[in-house]
């Protein structure tokens, strides 16, 4: 059952109301927090509207201090009162409603802040990976196979490498595959491809060093 202050989609509608009659205001001020929460427990939506009027300003300040965004503040405030309506049985009258609501508001605000930061980290990682993919693809497009003499020389050196390192070096030098493409083709982790290439490059460099000194 949706209370009067909620739309079927769960959006808080009370804040759209701008006036309350004198009798309602007087009743709202005379009810204690405990009485209002008992009424909420009986699913009386008028009671939660009165709680909203009483605490909206305080909770908005708490949430705004964390999120610094008006739209998200409205949404987090909505979350607080939806949670209050759904879980009125968790309220402890001995501890008071003010602290209960402030704690809920801070938690909802922090939840939204963590989701915002997580989204930013995820999009940053995606952009980095996308740029790396573009670089790999560009390198593959620019790949030119080595001439026959150099190819024969390289093959001779490569045959001295361990078999798994030979595999990734051949795919890199003679087929022009990117590290990601090698990872996909051989069904091995990208990190494993990188490690094998790094080890192979060190060994090849050591074999080529004497040749460089002779040139």
N, C-alpha and C. Protein backbone atom coordinates (compact mmCIF):
# COMPACT_ATOMS: atom_id res chain seq x y z
N UNK A 1 0.85 -1.20 0.00
CA UNK A 1 0.00 0.00 0.00
C UNK A 1 0.87 1.24 0.00
N UNK A 2 0.65 2.12 -0.98
CA UNK A 2 1.43 3.36 -1.05
C UNK A 2 0.75 4.44 -0.22
N UNK A 3 1.50 5.13 0.65
CA UNK A 3 0.93 6.24 1.41
C UNK A 3 0.63 7.41 0.49
N UNK A 4 -0.16 8.35 0.99
CA UNK A 4 -0.57 9.49 0.17
C UNK A 4 0.61 10.31 -0.33
N UNK A 5 1.70 10.32 0.46
CA UNK A 5 2.80 11.19 0.07
C UNK A 5 3.71 10.56 -0.98
N UNK A 6 3.43 9.30 -1.38
CA UNK A 6 4.23 8.65 -2.39
C UNK A 6 3.42 8.40 -3.65
N UNK A 7 4.10 8.53 -4.79
CA UNK A 7 3.50 8.12 -6.05
C UNK A 7 3.77 6.63 -6.22
N UNK A 8 3.09 5.94 -7.13
CA UNK A 8 3.35 4.51 -7.34
C UNK A 8 4.78 4.19 -7.69
N UNK A 9 5.54 5.16 -8.24
CA UNK A 9 6.94 4.92 -8.59
C UNK A 9 7.86 5.13 -7.42
N UNK A 10 7.30 5.54 -6.26
CA UNK A 10 8.13 5.72 -5.08
C UNK A 10 8.66 7.13 -4.92
N UNK A 11 8.21 8.08 -5.74
CA UNK A 11 8.69 9.45 -5.65
C UNK A 11 7.95 10.20 -4.56
N UNK A 12 8.67 11.02 -3.83
CA UNK A 12 8.09 11.74 -2.72
C UNK A 12 7.30 12.93 -3.24
N UNK A 13 6.02 12.96 -2.93
CA UNK A 13 5.15 13.99 -3.50
C UNK A 13 4.83 15.09 -2.50
N UNK A 14 5.10 14.89 -1.22
CA UNK A 14 4.71 15.86 -0.22
C UNK A 14 5.34 17.21 -0.45
N UNK A 15 6.60 17.25 -0.89
CA UNK A 15 7.30 18.51 -1.01
C UNK A 15 6.68 19.43 -2.07
N UNK A 16 5.80 18.88 -2.90
CA UNK A 16 5.13 19.70 -3.91
C UNK A 16 4.00 20.52 -3.30
N UNK A 17 3.54 20.13 -2.08
CA UNK A 17 2.47 20.87 -1.44
C UNK A 17 3.05 22.12 -0.79
N UNK A 18 2.36 23.22 -0.91
CA UNK A 18 2.91 24.48 -0.43
C UNK A 18 2.20 25.01 0.80
N UNK A 19 1.00 24.54 1.08
CA UNK A 19 0.25 25.06 2.21
C UNK A 19 -0.40 23.93 2.99
N UNK A 20 -0.64 24.18 4.28
CA UNK A 20 -1.41 23.27 5.12
C UNK A 20 -2.40 24.11 5.90
N UNK A 21 -3.59 23.58 6.15
CA UNK A 21 -4.58 24.38 6.86
C UNK A 21 -4.20 24.52 8.33
N UNK A 22 -4.82 25.51 9.01
CA UNK A 22 -4.47 25.84 10.39
C UNK A 22 -4.67 24.67 11.33
N UNK A 23 -5.74 23.93 11.14
CA UNK A 23 -6.03 22.79 12.02
C UNK A 23 -4.95 21.73 11.91
N UNK A 24 -4.49 21.45 10.66
CA UNK A 24 -3.46 20.44 10.44
C UNK A 24 -2.15 20.85 11.09
N UNK A 25 -1.78 22.13 10.94
CA UNK A 25 -0.54 22.63 11.52
C UNK A 25 -0.58 22.51 13.03
N UNK A 26 -1.72 22.89 13.64
CA UNK A 26 -1.86 22.83 15.08
C UNK A 26 -1.73 21.40 15.59
N UNK A 27 -2.37 20.46 14.88
CA UNK A 27 -2.31 19.05 15.26
C UNK A 27 -0.90 18.52 15.12
N UNK A 28 -0.22 18.92 14.02
CA UNK A 28 1.15 18.47 13.78
C UNK A 28 2.07 18.89 14.90
N UNK A 29 1.90 20.12 15.38
CA UNK A 29 2.77 20.64 16.43
C UNK A 29 2.49 19.99 17.78
N UNK A 30 1.26 19.54 18.00
CA UNK A 30 0.90 18.99 19.30
C UNK A 30 1.29 17.52 19.45
N UNK A 31 1.43 16.81 18.34
CA UNK A 31 1.78 15.39 18.41
C UNK A 31 3.27 15.22 18.75
N UNK A 32 3.57 14.28 19.63
CA UNK A 32 4.97 13.97 19.91
C UNK A 32 5.53 13.09 18.80
N UNK A 33 6.86 13.01 18.72
CA UNK A 33 7.48 12.15 17.73
C UNK A 33 7.04 10.70 17.92
N UNK A 34 6.99 10.26 19.17
CA UNK A 34 6.61 8.88 19.45
C UNK A 34 5.19 8.59 18.98
N UNK A 35 4.30 9.54 19.20
CA UNK A 35 2.91 9.37 18.75
C UNK A 35 2.83 9.30 17.23
N UNK A 36 3.59 10.16 16.58
CA UNK A 36 3.58 10.15 15.12
C UNK A 36 4.14 8.83 14.58
N UNK A 37 5.20 8.31 15.20
CA UNK A 37 5.76 7.06 14.73
C UNK A 37 4.82 5.89 14.99
N UNK A 38 4.06 5.94 16.07
CA UNK A 38 3.05 4.90 16.29
C UNK A 38 2.01 4.94 15.17
N UNK A 39 1.66 6.16 14.75
CA UNK A 39 0.69 6.31 13.66
C UNK A 39 1.27 5.81 12.34
N UNK A 40 2.57 6.08 12.12
CA UNK A 40 3.23 5.56 10.92
C UNK A 40 3.19 4.04 10.92
N UNK A 41 3.43 3.47 12.10
CA UNK A 41 3.37 2.01 12.23
C UNK A 41 2.00 1.46 11.89
N UNK A 42 0.96 2.28 12.08
CA UNK A 42 -0.40 1.87 11.70
C UNK A 42 -0.70 2.22 10.25
N UNK A 43 0.32 2.68 9.54
CA UNK A 43 0.23 3.03 8.11
C UNK A 43 -0.64 4.25 7.87
N UNK A 44 -0.55 5.24 8.77
CA UNK A 44 -1.28 6.49 8.59
C UNK A 44 -0.35 7.49 7.92
N UNK A 45 -0.63 7.76 6.65
CA UNK A 45 0.29 8.59 5.87
C UNK A 45 0.33 10.04 6.35
N UNK A 46 -0.75 10.53 6.96
CA UNK A 46 -0.73 11.90 7.48
C UNK A 46 0.38 12.07 8.51
N UNK A 47 0.64 11.03 9.28
CA UNK A 47 1.65 11.12 10.33
C UNK A 47 3.04 11.35 9.76
N UNK A 48 3.34 10.65 8.67
CA UNK A 48 4.69 10.82 8.11
C UNK A 48 4.82 12.17 7.41
N UNK A 49 3.71 12.70 6.90
CA UNK A 49 3.75 14.05 6.34
C UNK A 49 4.08 15.07 7.43
N UNK A 50 3.55 14.84 8.62
CA UNK A 50 3.84 15.74 9.73
C UNK A 50 5.31 15.63 10.15
N UNK A 51 5.84 14.41 10.13
CA UNK A 51 7.26 14.21 10.45
C UNK A 51 8.12 14.90 9.40
N UNK A 52 7.71 14.79 8.16
CA UNK A 52 8.45 15.46 7.08
C UNK A 52 8.50 16.96 7.33
N UNK A 53 7.35 17.56 7.64
CA UNK A 53 7.31 18.99 7.88
C UNK A 53 8.20 19.38 9.05
N UNK A 54 8.26 18.53 10.06
CA UNK A 54 9.02 18.83 11.27
C UNK A 54 10.53 18.72 11.04
N UNK A 55 10.98 17.78 10.21
CA UNK A 55 12.41 17.48 10.12
C UNK A 55 13.03 17.72 8.74
N UNK A 56 12.22 18.12 7.78
CA UNK A 56 12.74 18.27 6.42
C UNK A 56 13.94 19.21 6.35
N UNK A 57 13.87 20.34 6.98
CA UNK A 57 14.96 21.33 6.90
C UNK A 57 16.25 20.78 7.51
N UNK A 58 16.15 20.15 8.66
CA UNK A 58 17.33 19.59 9.33
C UNK A 58 17.98 18.51 8.48
N UNK A 59 17.18 17.59 7.98
CA UNK A 59 17.71 16.48 7.20
C UNK A 59 18.29 16.95 5.87
N UNK A 60 17.65 17.93 5.27
CA UNK A 60 18.18 18.48 4.02
C UNK A 60 19.58 19.04 4.23
N UNK A 61 19.79 19.73 5.35
CA UNK A 61 21.10 20.31 5.64
C UNK A 61 22.15 19.21 5.82
N UNK A 62 21.76 18.15 6.53
CA UNK A 62 22.69 17.03 6.75
C UNK A 62 23.11 16.41 5.42
N UNK A 63 22.14 16.15 4.57
CA UNK A 63 22.41 15.49 3.28
C UNK A 63 23.20 16.41 2.36
N UNK A 64 22.81 17.67 2.32
CA UNK A 64 23.49 18.63 1.45
C UNK A 64 24.96 18.79 1.83
N UNK A 65 25.27 18.69 3.11
CA UNK A 65 26.65 18.83 3.56
C UNK A 65 27.53 17.70 3.05
N UNK A 66 26.92 16.57 2.70
CA UNK A 66 27.68 15.43 2.18
C UNK A 66 27.71 15.44 0.65
N UNK A 67 26.58 15.70 0.02
CA UNK A 67 26.46 15.55 -1.43
C UNK A 67 26.74 16.83 -2.22
N UNK A 68 26.41 17.97 -1.65
CA UNK A 68 26.61 19.26 -2.34
C UNK A 68 25.95 19.27 -3.72
N UNK A 69 24.79 18.67 -3.80
CA UNK A 69 24.06 18.61 -5.06
C UNK A 69 22.57 18.61 -4.74
N UNK A 70 21.85 19.62 -5.24
CA UNK A 70 20.45 19.78 -4.87
C UNK A 70 19.58 18.62 -5.33
N UNK A 71 19.81 18.19 -6.56
CA UNK A 71 19.00 17.09 -7.09
C UNK A 71 19.20 15.81 -6.30
N UNK A 72 20.46 15.47 -6.03
CA UNK A 72 20.74 14.26 -5.27
C UNK A 72 20.27 14.40 -3.83
N UNK A 73 20.30 15.61 -3.30
CA UNK A 73 19.81 15.84 -1.95
C UNK A 73 18.32 15.53 -1.87
N UNK A 74 17.55 15.98 -2.86
CA UNK A 74 16.12 15.68 -2.89
C UNK A 74 15.88 14.17 -2.94
N UNK A 75 16.67 13.50 -3.76
CA UNK A 75 16.50 12.05 -3.91
C UNK A 75 16.86 11.32 -2.62
N UNK A 76 17.94 11.75 -1.97
CA UNK A 76 18.35 11.10 -0.72
C UNK A 76 17.31 11.36 0.38
N UNK A 77 16.75 12.57 0.40
CA UNK A 77 15.70 12.88 1.37
C UNK A 77 14.49 11.99 1.14
N UNK A 78 14.16 11.79 -0.11
CA UNK A 78 13.08 10.87 -0.46
C UNK A 78 13.38 9.46 0.06
N UNK A 79 14.64 9.02 -0.10
CA UNK A 79 15.04 7.69 0.36
C UNK A 79 14.81 7.55 1.87
N UNK A 80 15.12 8.61 2.61
CA UNK A 80 15.00 8.56 4.06
C UNK A 80 13.55 8.29 4.47
N UNK A 81 12.62 9.02 3.85
CA UNK A 81 11.23 8.89 4.27
C UNK A 81 10.57 7.62 3.74
N UNK A 82 11.05 7.13 2.60
CA UNK A 82 10.59 5.82 2.14
C UNK A 82 11.05 4.75 3.12
N UNK A 83 12.31 4.84 3.55
CA UNK A 83 12.83 3.86 4.51
C UNK A 83 12.09 3.97 5.84
N UNK A 84 11.80 5.19 6.27
CA UNK A 84 11.07 5.37 7.52
C UNK A 84 9.69 4.73 7.44
N UNK A 85 9.02 4.90 6.32
CA UNK A 85 7.70 4.31 6.12
C UNK A 85 7.77 2.79 6.09
N UNK A 86 8.79 2.27 5.38
CA UNK A 86 8.89 0.81 5.22
C UNK A 86 9.39 0.11 6.49
N UNK A 87 10.15 0.82 7.32
CA UNK A 87 10.78 0.18 8.47
C UNK A 87 10.49 0.93 9.77
N UNK A 88 9.28 1.36 9.92
CA UNK A 88 8.89 2.09 11.13
C UNK A 88 9.09 1.25 12.39
N UNK A 89 9.07 -0.07 12.23
CA UNK A 89 9.22 -0.94 13.40
C UNK A 89 10.63 -0.89 13.99
N UNK A 90 11.59 -0.33 13.26
CA UNK A 90 12.95 -0.25 13.77
C UNK A 90 13.17 0.96 14.68
N UNK A 91 12.19 1.84 14.73
CA UNK A 91 12.32 3.04 15.55
C UNK A 91 12.26 2.68 17.03
N UNK A 92 13.21 3.24 17.78
CA UNK A 92 13.27 3.04 19.23
C UNK A 92 12.92 4.36 19.89
N UNK A 93 11.73 4.43 20.48
CA UNK A 93 11.25 5.69 21.07
C UNK A 93 12.18 6.21 22.15
N UNK A 94 12.87 5.32 22.83
CA UNK A 94 13.76 5.73 23.92
C UNK A 94 14.95 6.53 23.40
N UNK A 95 15.35 6.28 22.15
CA UNK A 95 16.50 6.98 21.57
C UNK A 95 16.10 8.26 20.83
N UNK A 96 14.82 8.44 20.58
CA UNK A 96 14.34 9.66 19.94
C UNK A 96 14.38 9.61 18.42
N UNK A 97 13.48 10.38 17.80
CA UNK A 97 13.35 10.37 16.35
C UNK A 97 14.40 11.22 15.65
N UNK A 98 14.79 12.32 16.27
CA UNK A 98 15.75 13.22 15.64
C UNK A 98 17.05 12.50 15.28
N UNK A 99 17.66 11.85 16.26
CA UNK A 99 18.91 11.13 16.00
C UNK A 99 18.72 9.99 15.02
N UNK A 100 17.57 9.32 15.12
CA UNK A 100 17.26 8.21 14.21
C UNK A 100 17.23 8.70 12.76
N UNK A 101 16.56 9.82 12.53
CA UNK A 101 16.45 10.35 11.17
C UNK A 101 17.77 10.91 10.66
N UNK A 102 18.51 11.59 11.53
CA UNK A 102 19.80 12.15 11.13
C UNK A 102 20.76 11.03 10.72
N UNK A 103 20.76 9.94 11.48
CA UNK A 103 21.61 8.79 11.13
C UNK A 103 21.21 8.21 9.78
N UNK A 104 19.91 8.05 9.56
CA UNK A 104 19.43 7.54 8.28
C UNK A 104 19.82 8.47 7.15
N UNK A 105 19.66 9.77 7.37
CA UNK A 105 19.96 10.75 6.32
C UNK A 105 21.44 10.70 5.95
N UNK A 106 22.29 10.64 6.96
CA UNK A 106 23.74 10.60 6.69
C UNK A 106 24.10 9.32 5.93
N UNK A 107 23.51 8.21 6.32
CA UNK A 107 23.80 6.94 5.64
C UNK A 107 23.36 6.96 4.18
N UNK A 108 22.14 7.50 3.96
CA UNK A 108 21.65 7.56 2.58
C UNK A 108 22.53 8.49 1.73
N UNK A 109 22.97 9.58 2.32
CA UNK A 109 23.83 10.51 1.60
C UNK A 109 25.17 9.85 1.28
N UNK A 110 25.74 9.16 2.25
CA UNK A 110 27.03 8.48 2.03
C UNK A 110 26.90 7.36 1.01
N UNK A 111 25.77 6.66 1.02
CA UNK A 111 25.54 5.62 0.01
C UNK A 111 25.57 6.21 -1.39
N UNK A 112 24.89 7.34 -1.54
CA UNK A 112 24.85 7.99 -2.85
C UNK A 112 26.23 8.52 -3.23
N UNK A 113 26.97 9.05 -2.27
CA UNK A 113 28.31 9.55 -2.54
C UNK A 113 29.23 8.42 -2.98
N UNK A 114 29.14 7.27 -2.30
CA UNK A 114 29.97 6.12 -2.68
C UNK A 114 29.61 5.63 -4.07
N UNK A 115 28.32 5.61 -4.40
CA UNK A 115 27.92 5.19 -5.75
C UNK A 115 28.44 6.16 -6.80
N UNK A 116 28.40 7.45 -6.47
CA UNK A 116 28.89 8.46 -7.40
C UNK A 116 30.39 8.28 -7.65
N UNK A 117 31.15 8.08 -6.57
CA UNK A 117 32.60 7.91 -6.70
C UNK A 117 32.94 6.60 -7.42
N UNK A 118 32.17 5.54 -7.12
CA UNK A 118 32.40 4.26 -7.79
C UNK A 118 32.13 4.39 -9.28
N UNK A 119 31.09 5.14 -9.64
CA UNK A 119 30.76 5.34 -11.05
C UNK A 119 31.90 6.08 -11.75
N UNK A 120 32.43 7.10 -11.07
CA UNK A 120 33.52 7.86 -11.67
C UNK A 120 34.76 6.99 -11.87
N UNK A 121 35.07 6.17 -10.85
CA UNK A 121 36.23 5.28 -10.99
C UNK A 121 36.03 4.29 -12.13
N UNK A 122 34.80 3.77 -12.25
CA UNK A 122 34.52 2.80 -13.31
C UNK A 122 34.65 3.45 -14.69
N UNK A 123 34.12 4.67 -14.85
CA UNK A 123 34.22 5.34 -16.14
C UNK A 123 35.66 5.72 -16.45
N UNK A 124 36.42 6.09 -15.42
CA UNK A 124 37.84 6.41 -15.64
C UNK A 124 38.59 5.18 -16.12
N UNK A 125 38.34 4.03 -15.47
CA UNK A 125 39.00 2.79 -15.89
C UNK A 125 38.61 2.43 -17.31
N UNK A 126 37.33 2.62 -17.65
CA UNK A 126 36.86 2.30 -19.00
C UNK A 126 37.57 3.17 -20.03
N UNK A 127 37.72 4.47 -19.73
CA UNK A 127 38.39 5.37 -20.66
C UNK A 127 39.85 4.98 -20.85
N UNK A 128 40.51 4.58 -19.75
CA UNK A 128 41.91 4.17 -19.85
C UNK A 128 42.04 2.91 -20.71
N UNK A 129 41.14 1.94 -20.47
CA UNK A 129 41.18 0.71 -21.25
C UNK A 129 40.86 0.97 -22.72
N UNK A 130 39.93 1.89 -22.95
CA UNK A 130 39.57 2.22 -24.33
C UNK A 130 40.74 2.84 -25.06
N UNK A 131 41.44 3.76 -24.37
CA UNK A 131 42.62 4.39 -24.99
C UNK A 131 43.69 3.35 -25.28
N UNK A 132 43.88 2.40 -24.35
CA UNK A 132 44.88 1.35 -24.57
C UNK A 132 44.50 0.49 -25.77
N UNK A 133 43.19 0.22 -25.91
CA UNK A 133 42.73 -0.57 -27.05
C UNK A 133 43.00 0.15 -28.36
N UNK A 134 42.72 1.47 -28.37
CA UNK A 134 42.98 2.26 -29.58
C UNK A 134 44.46 2.24 -29.94
N UNK A 135 45.33 2.33 -28.90
CA UNK A 135 46.77 2.31 -29.16
C UNK A 135 47.20 0.97 -29.74
N UNK A 136 46.64 -0.12 -29.17
CA UNK A 136 46.97 -1.46 -29.68
C UNK A 136 46.52 -1.62 -31.13
N UNK A 137 45.30 -1.13 -31.41
CA UNK A 137 44.78 -1.24 -32.77
C UNK A 137 45.60 -0.41 -33.75
N UNK A 138 46.02 0.78 -33.31
CA UNK A 138 46.83 1.64 -34.18
C UNK A 138 48.16 0.98 -34.47
N UNK A 139 48.76 0.36 -33.45
CA UNK A 139 50.03 -0.33 -33.66
C UNK A 139 49.87 -1.50 -34.63
N UNK A 140 48.74 -2.20 -34.51
CA UNK A 140 48.49 -3.33 -35.41
C UNK A 140 48.32 -2.86 -36.85
N UNK A 141 47.64 -1.71 -37.02
CA UNK A 141 47.46 -1.18 -38.38
C UNK A 141 48.78 -0.74 -38.99
N UNK A 142 49.67 -0.22 -38.15
CA UNK A 142 50.96 0.27 -38.63
C UNK A 142 52.01 -0.83 -38.75
N UNK A 143 51.65 -2.04 -38.36
CA UNK A 143 52.63 -3.12 -38.34
C UNK A 143 53.16 -3.43 -39.74
N UNK A 144 54.46 -3.56 -39.82
CA UNK A 144 55.11 -3.98 -41.05
C UNK A 144 55.97 -5.20 -40.73
N UNK A 145 55.78 -6.32 -41.42
CA UNK A 145 56.59 -7.51 -41.12
C UNK A 145 58.06 -7.25 -41.40
N UNK A 146 58.96 -7.79 -40.59
CA UNK A 146 60.39 -7.57 -40.81
C UNK A 146 60.84 -8.16 -42.13
N UNK A 147 61.92 -7.58 -42.71
CA UNK A 147 62.41 -8.12 -43.98
C UNK A 147 62.99 -9.51 -43.73
N UNK A 148 63.25 -10.24 -44.80
CA UNK A 148 63.59 -11.66 -44.67
C UNK A 148 64.87 -11.89 -43.89
N UNK A 149 65.87 -11.05 -44.11
CA UNK A 149 67.15 -11.26 -43.40
C UNK A 149 66.96 -11.07 -41.90
N UNK A 150 66.26 -9.98 -41.54
CA UNK A 150 66.03 -9.71 -40.12
C UNK A 150 65.13 -10.79 -39.53
N UNK A 151 64.16 -11.23 -40.33
CA UNK A 151 63.24 -12.27 -39.85
C UNK A 151 64.00 -13.55 -39.53
N UNK A 152 64.91 -13.92 -40.42
CA UNK A 152 65.69 -15.14 -40.18
C UNK A 152 66.54 -15.00 -38.93
N UNK A 153 67.13 -13.81 -38.77
CA UNK A 153 67.97 -13.58 -37.59
C UNK A 153 67.15 -13.66 -36.31
N UNK A 154 65.97 -13.02 -36.34
CA UNK A 154 65.11 -13.04 -35.17
C UNK A 154 64.63 -14.44 -34.84
N UNK A 155 64.27 -15.19 -35.88
CA UNK A 155 63.79 -16.56 -35.64
C UNK A 155 64.88 -17.40 -34.96
N UNK A 156 66.10 -17.16 -35.37
CA UNK A 156 67.19 -17.90 -34.74
C UNK A 156 67.30 -17.59 -33.26
N UNK A 157 67.20 -16.30 -32.93
CA UNK A 157 67.25 -15.92 -31.52
C UNK A 157 66.03 -16.40 -30.75
N UNK A 158 64.86 -16.29 -31.42
CA UNK A 158 63.62 -16.65 -30.75
C UNK A 158 63.58 -18.13 -30.42
N UNK A 159 64.23 -18.97 -31.26
CA UNK A 159 64.22 -20.41 -30.99
C UNK A 159 64.96 -20.76 -29.70
N UNK A 160 65.76 -19.83 -29.20
CA UNK A 160 66.47 -20.07 -27.94
C UNK A 160 65.62 -19.74 -26.71
N UNK A 161 64.45 -19.14 -26.96
CA UNK A 161 63.57 -18.76 -25.85
C UNK A 161 62.75 -19.96 -25.38
N UNK A 162 62.25 -19.93 -24.14
CA UNK A 162 61.29 -20.96 -23.71
C UNK A 162 60.07 -20.96 -24.64
N UNK A 163 59.44 -22.11 -24.76
CA UNK A 163 58.36 -22.29 -25.74
C UNK A 163 57.23 -21.27 -25.57
N UNK A 164 56.80 -21.02 -24.33
CA UNK A 164 55.68 -20.10 -24.11
C UNK A 164 56.06 -18.67 -24.50
N UNK A 165 57.34 -18.30 -24.27
CA UNK A 165 57.78 -16.97 -24.68
C UNK A 165 57.92 -16.89 -26.20
N UNK A 166 58.38 -17.98 -26.82
CA UNK A 166 58.45 -18.02 -28.29
C UNK A 166 57.08 -17.72 -28.90
N UNK A 167 56.08 -18.31 -28.31
CA UNK A 167 54.72 -18.20 -28.84
C UNK A 167 54.26 -16.75 -28.90
N UNK A 168 54.39 -16.02 -27.80
CA UNK A 168 53.89 -14.63 -27.80
C UNK A 168 54.77 -13.73 -28.64
N UNK A 169 56.08 -14.00 -28.70
CA UNK A 169 56.98 -13.18 -29.53
C UNK A 169 56.66 -13.38 -31.01
N UNK A 170 56.45 -14.62 -31.43
CA UNK A 170 56.11 -14.89 -32.84
C UNK A 170 54.82 -14.19 -33.24
N UNK A 171 53.82 -14.24 -32.34
CA UNK A 171 52.55 -13.60 -32.65
C UNK A 171 52.71 -12.07 -32.72
N UNK A 172 53.63 -11.53 -31.94
CA UNK A 172 53.85 -10.08 -31.94
C UNK A 172 54.65 -9.64 -33.17
N UNK A 173 55.81 -10.29 -33.40
CA UNK A 173 56.72 -9.86 -34.46
C UNK A 173 56.27 -10.26 -35.85
N UNK A 174 55.74 -11.47 -35.97
CA UNK A 174 55.48 -12.01 -37.31
C UNK A 174 54.02 -11.96 -37.73
N UNK A 175 53.10 -11.77 -36.78
CA UNK A 175 51.69 -11.63 -37.14
C UNK A 175 51.14 -10.25 -36.79
N UNK A 176 51.90 -9.49 -36.04
CA UNK A 176 51.47 -8.12 -35.73
C UNK A 176 50.29 -8.03 -34.78
N UNK A 177 50.09 -9.06 -33.95
CA UNK A 177 48.97 -9.03 -33.01
C UNK A 177 49.29 -8.15 -31.81
N UNK A 178 48.27 -7.48 -31.31
CA UNK A 178 48.43 -6.71 -30.07
C UNK A 178 48.41 -7.68 -28.89
N UNK A 179 48.80 -7.18 -27.73
CA UNK A 179 48.78 -8.02 -26.53
C UNK A 179 47.37 -8.50 -26.22
N UNK A 180 46.38 -7.62 -26.40
CA UNK A 180 44.99 -8.02 -26.15
C UNK A 180 44.54 -9.10 -27.13
N UNK A 181 44.97 -8.99 -28.37
CA UNK A 181 44.59 -9.99 -29.37
C UNK A 181 45.24 -11.34 -29.06
N UNK A 182 46.49 -11.30 -28.59
CA UNK A 182 47.16 -12.54 -28.20
C UNK A 182 46.44 -13.17 -27.02
N UNK A 183 46.07 -12.33 -26.05
CA UNK A 183 45.35 -12.81 -24.88
C UNK A 183 44.06 -13.52 -25.28
N UNK A 184 43.33 -12.91 -26.22
CA UNK A 184 42.06 -13.49 -26.67
C UNK A 184 42.28 -14.78 -27.46
N UNK A 185 43.27 -14.78 -28.35
CA UNK A 185 43.49 -15.95 -29.19
C UNK A 185 43.95 -17.16 -28.39
N UNK A 186 44.85 -16.92 -27.44
CA UNK A 186 45.43 -18.03 -26.67
C UNK A 186 44.68 -18.32 -25.37
N UNK A 187 43.65 -17.50 -25.09
CA UNK A 187 42.84 -17.68 -23.87
C UNK A 187 43.71 -17.64 -22.61
N UNK A 188 44.58 -16.65 -22.56
CA UNK A 188 45.40 -16.44 -21.38
C UNK A 188 45.23 -15.00 -20.92
N UNK A 189 45.54 -14.76 -19.67
CA UNK A 189 45.36 -13.41 -19.10
C UNK A 189 46.28 -12.41 -19.78
N UNK A 190 45.77 -11.17 -19.91
CA UNK A 190 46.56 -10.11 -20.52
C UNK A 190 47.86 -9.89 -19.74
N UNK A 191 47.79 -9.97 -18.42
CA UNK A 191 48.98 -9.80 -17.60
C UNK A 191 50.03 -10.86 -17.89
N UNK A 192 49.58 -12.09 -18.19
CA UNK A 192 50.50 -13.18 -18.52
C UNK A 192 51.21 -12.90 -19.83
N UNK A 193 50.45 -12.38 -20.80
CA UNK A 193 51.05 -12.02 -22.10
C UNK A 193 52.13 -10.97 -21.90
N UNK A 194 51.83 -9.94 -21.12
CA UNK A 194 52.78 -8.86 -20.87
C UNK A 194 54.05 -9.39 -20.22
N UNK A 195 53.89 -10.27 -19.22
CA UNK A 195 55.04 -10.82 -18.50
C UNK A 195 55.92 -11.64 -19.43
N UNK A 196 55.30 -12.50 -20.24
CA UNK A 196 56.08 -13.34 -21.16
C UNK A 196 56.84 -12.50 -22.18
N UNK A 197 56.20 -11.44 -22.67
CA UNK A 197 56.88 -10.57 -23.63
C UNK A 197 58.04 -9.82 -22.98
N UNK A 198 57.84 -9.36 -21.76
CA UNK A 198 58.90 -8.64 -21.07
C UNK A 198 60.12 -9.53 -20.84
N UNK A 199 59.88 -10.77 -20.41
CA UNK A 199 60.98 -11.70 -20.19
C UNK A 199 61.70 -12.02 -21.51
N UNK A 200 60.89 -12.21 -22.56
CA UNK A 200 61.47 -12.52 -23.87
C UNK A 200 62.30 -11.35 -24.39
N UNK A 201 61.80 -10.14 -24.21
CA UNK A 201 62.52 -8.96 -24.70
C UNK A 201 63.88 -8.82 -24.03
N UNK A 202 63.93 -9.09 -22.73
CA UNK A 202 65.22 -9.01 -22.00
C UNK A 202 66.22 -10.02 -22.56
N UNK A 203 65.73 -11.25 -22.80
CA UNK A 203 66.62 -12.29 -23.32
C UNK A 203 67.07 -11.97 -24.74
N UNK A 204 66.15 -11.47 -25.57
CA UNK A 204 66.51 -11.11 -26.94
C UNK A 204 67.50 -9.95 -26.95
N UNK A 205 67.30 -9.00 -26.07
CA UNK A 205 68.20 -7.85 -26.00
C UNK A 205 69.61 -8.32 -25.65
N UNK A 206 69.72 -9.25 -24.71
CA UNK A 206 71.03 -9.77 -24.32
C UNK A 206 71.71 -10.49 -25.48
N UNK A 207 70.90 -11.16 -26.33
CA UNK A 207 71.49 -11.85 -27.49
C UNK A 207 71.87 -10.88 -28.59
N UNK A 208 71.12 -9.78 -28.71
CA UNK A 208 71.39 -8.81 -29.77
C UNK A 208 72.49 -7.82 -29.40
N UNK A 209 72.77 -7.68 -28.10
CA UNK A 209 73.76 -6.68 -27.67
C UNK A 209 75.12 -6.88 -28.32
N UNK A 210 75.67 -8.11 -28.36
CA UNK A 210 76.97 -8.28 -29.02
C UNK A 210 76.93 -7.92 -30.49
N UNK A 211 75.80 -8.20 -31.16
CA UNK A 211 75.65 -7.88 -32.57
C UNK A 211 75.67 -6.37 -32.79
N UNK A 212 75.03 -5.62 -31.86
CA UNK A 212 75.01 -4.16 -31.98
C UNK A 212 76.42 -3.59 -31.88
N UNK A 213 77.25 -4.18 -31.04
CA UNK A 213 78.60 -3.68 -30.87
C UNK A 213 79.45 -3.89 -32.12
N UNK A 214 79.05 -4.90 -32.91
CA UNK A 214 79.83 -5.19 -34.14
C UNK A 214 79.43 -4.31 -35.30
N UNK A 215 78.21 -3.66 -35.19
CA UNK A 215 77.71 -2.85 -36.31
C UNK A 215 78.35 -1.47 -36.27
